[in-house]
């Protein structure tokens, strides 16, 4: 099922977890935001992790407060763009009102973006 022109439910729910309707609604809103990031770079966006159910989220060591559980977060990679450049662009797009405010997390190999509605920033890069 396509959520937007370039993103499908399968990309945002790779493990095919059952989900409540509220999560599907959130994934649709998130997909709209991911389209803005894709358009900014004019490049494909790969989703490493989208929706996770609580059990899986705990098994990978993530917190119970994770935005992934709500369907409001994605860990992404933009083709031929470094994670830092992606994070910087997301900051720019938020600051100019083009993207929803939310969480931006910096990691070595991907960038986390979520649409929680409040500002949250972290840097878990190790190199």
N, C-alpha and C. Protein backbone atom coordinates (compact mmCIF):
# COMPACT_ATOMS: atom_id res chain seq x y z
N UNK A 1 0.84 -1.18 0.00
CA UNK A 1 0.00 0.00 0.00
C UNK A 1 0.89 1.24 0.00
N UNK A 2 0.64 2.11 -0.95
CA UNK A 2 1.39 3.37 -1.01
C UNK A 2 0.82 4.36 -0.01
N UNK A 3 1.72 5.02 0.70
CA UNK A 3 1.32 6.08 1.62
C UNK A 3 1.42 7.43 0.94
N UNK A 4 2.48 7.60 0.13
CA UNK A 4 2.69 8.79 -0.68
C UNK A 4 3.30 8.31 -1.99
N UNK A 5 3.64 9.24 -2.84
CA UNK A 5 4.16 8.86 -4.16
C UNK A 5 5.37 7.93 -4.08
N UNK A 6 6.27 8.16 -3.13
CA UNK A 6 7.52 7.42 -3.08
C UNK A 6 7.68 6.50 -1.87
N UNK A 7 6.70 6.45 -0.98
CA UNK A 7 6.84 5.64 0.23
C UNK A 7 5.64 4.73 0.41
N UNK A 8 5.93 3.50 0.82
CA UNK A 8 4.87 2.51 1.02
C UNK A 8 4.85 2.04 2.47
N UNK A 9 3.76 1.41 2.83
CA UNK A 9 3.64 0.85 4.17
C UNK A 9 4.71 -0.22 4.40
N UNK A 10 5.06 -0.96 3.35
CA UNK A 10 6.08 -2.01 3.50
C UNK A 10 7.44 -1.43 3.87
N UNK A 11 7.76 -0.24 3.38
CA UNK A 11 9.03 0.40 3.72
C UNK A 11 9.04 0.88 5.17
N UNK A 12 7.90 1.33 5.65
CA UNK A 12 7.82 1.88 7.00
C UNK A 12 7.41 0.84 8.04
N UNK A 13 7.09 -0.36 7.60
CA UNK A 13 6.75 -1.46 8.51
C UNK A 13 7.37 -2.73 7.94
N UNK A 14 8.70 -2.75 7.89
CA UNK A 14 9.43 -3.84 7.25
C UNK A 14 9.16 -5.20 7.87
N UNK A 15 8.85 -5.23 9.16
CA UNK A 15 8.61 -6.50 9.84
C UNK A 15 7.14 -6.92 9.81
N UNK A 16 6.34 -6.11 9.15
CA UNK A 16 4.90 -6.40 8.99
C UNK A 16 4.18 -6.62 10.33
N UNK A 17 4.52 -5.75 11.30
CA UNK A 17 3.85 -5.80 12.59
C UNK A 17 2.39 -5.39 12.41
N UNK A 18 1.49 -6.01 13.19
CA UNK A 18 0.13 -5.50 13.28
C UNK A 18 0.20 -4.14 13.95
N UNK A 19 -0.67 -3.23 13.51
CA UNK A 19 -0.62 -1.89 14.10
C UNK A 19 -2.01 -1.31 14.20
N UNK A 20 -2.22 -0.47 15.22
CA UNK A 20 -3.51 0.22 15.33
C UNK A 20 -3.65 1.27 14.23
N UNK A 21 -4.88 1.68 13.97
CA UNK A 21 -5.14 2.70 12.94
C UNK A 21 -4.39 3.99 13.21
N UNK A 22 -4.23 4.33 14.49
CA UNK A 22 -3.52 5.58 14.83
C UNK A 22 -2.08 5.54 14.33
N UNK A 23 -1.45 4.39 14.37
CA UNK A 23 -0.08 4.26 13.87
C UNK A 23 -0.06 4.43 12.36
N UNK A 24 -1.01 3.84 11.67
CA UNK A 24 -1.08 4.01 10.22
C UNK A 24 -1.27 5.48 9.86
N UNK A 25 -2.12 6.18 10.59
CA UNK A 25 -2.31 7.61 10.35
C UNK A 25 -1.01 8.37 10.55
N UNK A 26 -0.26 8.02 11.59
CA UNK A 26 1.03 8.67 11.84
C UNK A 26 2.02 8.37 10.73
N UNK A 27 2.05 7.14 10.24
CA UNK A 27 2.96 6.78 9.15
C UNK A 27 2.65 7.57 7.89
N UNK A 28 1.38 7.83 7.65
CA UNK A 28 0.99 8.65 6.50
C UNK A 28 1.53 10.07 6.66
N UNK A 29 1.37 10.64 7.85
CA UNK A 29 1.90 12.00 8.10
C UNK A 29 3.41 12.03 7.98
N UNK A 30 4.08 11.01 8.51
CA UNK A 30 5.53 10.93 8.43
C UNK A 30 5.97 10.84 6.97
N UNK A 31 5.27 10.06 6.18
CA UNK A 31 5.63 9.89 4.77
C UNK A 31 5.58 11.21 4.01
N UNK A 32 4.62 12.04 4.33
CA UNK A 32 4.54 13.37 3.70
C UNK A 32 5.80 14.17 4.01
N UNK A 33 6.26 14.09 5.24
CA UNK A 33 7.48 14.81 5.63
C UNK A 33 8.72 14.22 4.93
N UNK A 34 8.75 12.90 4.81
CA UNK A 34 9.87 12.26 4.12
C UNK A 34 9.91 12.64 2.64
N UNK A 35 8.76 12.89 2.05
CA UNK A 35 8.72 13.36 0.66
C UNK A 35 9.40 14.72 0.53
N UNK A 36 9.26 15.56 1.54
CA UNK A 36 9.90 16.88 1.52
C UNK A 36 11.41 16.72 1.56
N UNK A 37 11.90 15.81 2.38
CA UNK A 37 13.34 15.54 2.45
C UNK A 37 13.83 15.00 1.11
N UNK A 38 13.09 14.08 0.54
CA UNK A 38 13.45 13.49 -0.75
C UNK A 38 13.52 14.58 -1.83
N UNK A 39 12.53 15.45 -1.85
CA UNK A 39 12.50 16.53 -2.85
C UNK A 39 13.66 17.51 -2.64
N UNK A 40 14.00 17.78 -1.38
CA UNK A 40 15.10 18.69 -1.10
C UNK A 40 16.40 18.20 -1.73
N UNK A 41 16.66 16.92 -1.63
CA UNK A 41 17.89 16.35 -2.17
C UNK A 41 17.73 15.84 -3.61
N UNK A 42 16.49 15.74 -4.07
CA UNK A 42 16.22 15.14 -5.37
C UNK A 42 16.93 13.79 -5.49
N UNK A 43 16.77 12.99 -4.43
CA UNK A 43 17.46 11.70 -4.34
C UNK A 43 16.60 10.73 -3.54
N UNK A 44 16.74 9.43 -3.82
CA UNK A 44 15.99 8.43 -3.07
C UNK A 44 16.33 8.43 -1.58
N UNK A 45 15.33 8.17 -0.77
CA UNK A 45 15.48 8.03 0.68
C UNK A 45 15.18 6.58 1.04
N UNK A 46 16.14 5.95 1.70
CA UNK A 46 15.96 4.57 2.18
C UNK A 46 15.60 4.62 3.66
N UNK A 47 14.59 3.86 4.02
CA UNK A 47 14.18 3.80 5.42
C UNK A 47 14.78 2.55 6.05
N UNK A 48 15.70 2.74 6.99
CA UNK A 48 16.31 1.62 7.69
C UNK A 48 15.36 1.04 8.74
N UNK A 49 14.64 1.93 9.41
CA UNK A 49 13.72 1.50 10.46
C UNK A 49 12.59 2.51 10.55
N UNK A 50 11.37 2.02 10.54
CA UNK A 50 10.19 2.86 10.71
C UNK A 50 9.43 2.40 11.94
N UNK A 51 8.21 1.90 11.71
CA UNK A 51 7.39 1.44 12.83
C UNK A 51 7.97 0.17 13.45
N UNK A 52 7.96 0.16 14.78
CA UNK A 52 8.35 -1.03 15.56
C UNK A 52 7.29 -1.27 16.62
N UNK A 53 6.94 -2.53 16.82
CA UNK A 53 6.04 -2.78 17.95
C UNK A 53 6.87 -2.75 19.24
N UNK A 54 6.20 -2.69 20.37
CA UNK A 54 6.87 -2.53 21.65
C UNK A 54 7.83 -3.68 21.94
N UNK A 55 7.41 -4.90 21.68
CA UNK A 55 8.26 -6.06 21.96
C UNK A 55 9.56 -6.01 21.15
N UNK A 56 9.45 -5.76 19.87
CA UNK A 56 10.64 -5.68 19.03
C UNK A 56 11.52 -4.51 19.49
N UNK A 57 10.90 -3.39 19.77
CA UNK A 57 11.65 -2.21 20.21
C UNK A 57 12.46 -2.52 21.47
N UNK A 58 11.86 -3.22 22.41
CA UNK A 58 12.58 -3.61 23.64
C UNK A 58 13.71 -4.59 23.32
N UNK A 59 13.45 -5.53 22.40
CA UNK A 59 14.46 -6.54 22.05
C UNK A 59 15.71 -5.93 21.43
N UNK A 60 15.57 -4.81 20.76
CA UNK A 60 16.75 -4.17 20.16
C UNK A 60 17.37 -3.13 21.09
N UNK A 61 16.83 -3.04 22.32
CA UNK A 61 17.42 -2.17 23.33
C UNK A 61 16.96 -0.73 23.27
N UNK A 62 15.88 -0.45 22.57
CA UNK A 62 15.39 0.92 22.49
C UNK A 62 14.41 1.19 23.64
N UNK A 63 14.20 2.45 23.91
CA UNK A 63 13.34 2.86 25.03
C UNK A 63 11.86 2.70 24.70
N UNK A 64 11.06 2.51 25.73
CA UNK A 64 9.61 2.40 25.57
C UNK A 64 8.98 3.72 25.12
N UNK A 65 9.71 4.80 25.21
CA UNK A 65 9.23 6.11 24.77
C UNK A 65 9.60 6.41 23.32
N UNK A 66 10.18 5.46 22.63
CA UNK A 66 10.61 5.65 21.25
C UNK A 66 9.46 6.11 20.35
N UNK A 67 9.75 7.06 19.50
CA UNK A 67 8.76 7.52 18.53
C UNK A 67 8.44 6.46 17.48
N UNK A 68 9.33 5.50 17.31
CA UNK A 68 9.09 4.42 16.35
C UNK A 68 7.84 3.62 16.72
N UNK A 69 7.56 3.48 18.01
CA UNK A 69 6.40 2.73 18.48
C UNK A 69 5.09 3.41 18.06
N UNK A 70 5.14 4.71 17.93
CA UNK A 70 3.95 5.48 17.55
C UNK A 70 3.80 5.61 16.03
N UNK A 71 4.83 5.20 15.30
CA UNK A 71 4.81 5.38 13.85
C UNK A 71 5.13 6.79 13.42
N UNK A 72 5.83 7.51 14.28
CA UNK A 72 6.16 8.91 13.98
C UNK A 72 7.64 9.11 13.69
N UNK A 73 8.41 8.03 13.52
CA UNK A 73 9.85 8.16 13.34
C UNK A 73 10.36 7.24 12.24
N UNK A 74 11.44 7.70 11.62
CA UNK A 74 12.13 6.87 10.63
C UNK A 74 13.63 7.14 10.73
N UNK A 75 14.40 6.08 10.62
CA UNK A 75 15.85 6.18 10.49
C UNK A 75 16.13 6.07 9.00
N UNK A 76 16.76 7.10 8.44
CA UNK A 76 16.86 7.20 6.99
C UNK A 76 18.29 7.38 6.49
N UNK A 77 18.46 7.03 5.23
CA UNK A 77 19.68 7.28 4.48
C UNK A 77 19.25 7.89 3.15
N UNK A 78 19.91 8.98 2.76
CA UNK A 78 19.66 9.59 1.46
C UNK A 78 20.82 9.21 0.55
N UNK A 79 20.48 8.73 -0.62
CA UNK A 79 21.49 8.25 -1.56
C UNK A 79 22.54 9.33 -1.84
N UNK A 80 23.82 8.94 -1.63
CA UNK A 80 24.99 9.78 -1.91
C UNK A 80 25.07 11.03 -1.04
N UNK A 81 24.43 11.01 0.13
CA UNK A 81 24.47 12.14 1.05
C UNK A 81 24.86 11.62 2.43
N UNK A 82 25.79 12.28 3.09
CA UNK A 82 26.24 11.83 4.41
C UNK A 82 25.13 12.05 5.45
N UNK A 83 25.13 11.24 6.51
CA UNK A 83 24.13 11.43 7.56
C UNK A 83 24.17 12.84 8.17
N UNK A 84 25.36 13.42 8.31
CA UNK A 84 25.44 14.79 8.85
C UNK A 84 24.79 15.80 7.91
N UNK A 85 24.99 15.63 6.62
CA UNK A 85 24.36 16.53 5.65
C UNK A 85 22.84 16.39 5.69
N UNK A 86 22.37 15.17 5.87
CA UNK A 86 20.92 14.94 5.99
C UNK A 86 20.39 15.64 7.24
N UNK A 87 21.06 15.45 8.36
CA UNK A 87 20.62 16.09 9.61
C UNK A 87 20.63 17.62 9.48
N UNK A 88 21.69 18.16 8.87
CA UNK A 88 21.76 19.61 8.68
C UNK A 88 20.61 20.11 7.80
N UNK A 89 20.29 19.36 6.75
CA UNK A 89 19.19 19.75 5.87
C UNK A 89 17.86 19.68 6.60
N UNK A 90 17.66 18.65 7.41
CA UNK A 90 16.42 18.55 8.18
C UNK A 90 16.30 19.75 9.11
N UNK A 91 17.39 20.12 9.76
CA UNK A 91 17.39 21.32 10.63
C UNK A 91 16.97 22.55 9.83
N UNK A 92 17.55 22.72 8.64
CA UNK A 92 17.22 23.85 7.78
C UNK A 92 15.73 23.83 7.42
N UNK A 93 15.23 22.67 7.01
CA UNK A 93 13.84 22.56 6.60
C UNK A 93 12.88 22.81 7.76
N UNK A 94 13.25 22.39 8.95
CA UNK A 94 12.43 22.68 10.14
C UNK A 94 12.45 24.18 10.42
N UNK A 95 13.66 24.76 10.42
CA UNK A 95 13.81 26.18 10.75
C UNK A 95 13.10 27.10 9.77
N UNK A 96 12.93 26.65 8.53
CA UNK A 96 12.24 27.47 7.52
C UNK A 96 10.76 27.14 7.43
N UNK A 97 10.29 26.24 8.31
CA UNK A 97 8.87 25.92 8.36
C UNK A 97 8.42 24.93 7.30
N UNK A 98 9.35 24.31 6.60
CA UNK A 98 8.98 23.37 5.55
C UNK A 98 8.73 21.96 6.09
N UNK A 99 9.35 21.64 7.23
CA UNK A 99 9.18 20.33 7.88
C UNK A 99 8.61 20.53 9.27
N UNK A 100 7.91 19.52 9.75
CA UNK A 100 7.40 19.56 11.12
C UNK A 100 8.55 19.48 12.11
N UNK A 101 8.40 20.18 13.22
CA UNK A 101 9.36 20.09 14.31
C UNK A 101 9.31 18.69 14.89
N UNK A 102 10.47 18.25 15.33
CA UNK A 102 10.53 16.92 15.94
C UNK A 102 11.93 16.58 16.36
N UNK A 103 12.21 15.29 16.36
CA UNK A 103 13.51 14.81 16.78
C UNK A 103 14.44 14.61 15.59
N UNK A 104 15.70 14.99 15.82
CA UNK A 104 16.75 14.76 14.83
C UNK A 104 17.90 14.09 15.57
N UNK A 105 18.19 12.88 15.17
CA UNK A 105 19.28 12.14 15.80
C UNK A 105 20.38 11.85 14.79
N UNK A 106 21.60 12.09 15.22
CA UNK A 106 22.76 11.86 14.36
C UNK A 106 23.44 10.55 14.75
N UNK A 107 23.66 9.71 13.75
CA UNK A 107 24.31 8.42 13.92
C UNK A 107 25.37 8.28 12.83
N UNK A 108 26.25 7.32 12.97
CA UNK A 108 27.32 7.15 11.97
C UNK A 108 26.80 6.85 10.58
N UNK A 109 25.77 6.01 10.49
CA UNK A 109 25.38 5.52 9.17
C UNK A 109 23.96 5.90 8.75
N UNK A 110 23.25 6.66 9.58
CA UNK A 110 21.89 7.08 9.24
C UNK A 110 21.52 8.31 10.05
N UNK A 111 20.37 8.87 9.71
CA UNK A 111 19.82 10.01 10.44
C UNK A 111 18.41 9.63 10.91
N UNK A 112 18.12 9.94 12.16
CA UNK A 112 16.77 9.74 12.70
C UNK A 112 16.01 11.05 12.54
N UNK A 113 14.76 10.94 12.07
CA UNK A 113 13.86 12.09 12.05
C UNK A 113 12.49 11.63 12.55
N UNK A 114 11.90 12.43 13.43
CA UNK A 114 10.55 12.13 13.88
C UNK A 114 9.72 13.40 13.95
N UNK A 115 8.42 13.20 13.96
CA UNK A 115 7.47 14.31 13.89
C UNK A 115 6.72 14.48 15.21
N UNK A 116 7.43 14.37 16.32
CA UNK A 116 6.81 14.44 17.65
C UNK A 116 6.17 15.78 17.96
N UNK A 117 6.56 16.83 17.24
CA UNK A 117 5.95 18.15 17.46
C UNK A 117 6.73 19.05 18.38
N UNK A 118 7.72 18.51 19.08
CA UNK A 118 8.59 19.32 19.93
C UNK A 118 10.04 19.02 19.55
N UNK A 119 10.90 19.96 19.88
CA UNK A 119 12.31 19.85 19.51
C UNK A 119 13.03 18.82 20.40
N UNK A 120 13.76 17.92 19.75
CA UNK A 120 14.62 16.95 20.45
C UNK A 120 15.84 16.72 19.55
N UNK A 121 17.02 16.78 20.12
CA UNK A 121 18.25 16.59 19.34
C UNK A 121 19.21 15.71 20.13
N UNK A 122 19.92 14.83 19.41
CA UNK A 122 20.95 14.01 20.03
C UNK A 122 21.97 13.61 18.98
N UNK A 123 23.15 13.26 19.49
CA UNK A 123 24.25 12.85 18.62
C UNK A 123 24.85 11.58 19.21
N UNK A 124 24.64 10.45 18.54
CA UNK A 124 25.17 9.17 18.98
C UNK A 124 26.28 8.70 18.03
N UNK A 125 26.89 9.63 17.31
CA UNK A 125 27.98 9.25 16.43
C UNK A 125 29.18 8.83 17.27
N UNK A 126 29.88 7.82 16.82
CA UNK A 126 31.05 7.34 17.54
C UNK A 126 32.33 7.64 16.79
N UNK A 127 32.23 8.13 15.59
CA UNK A 127 33.44 8.50 14.82
C UNK A 127 33.31 9.89 14.28
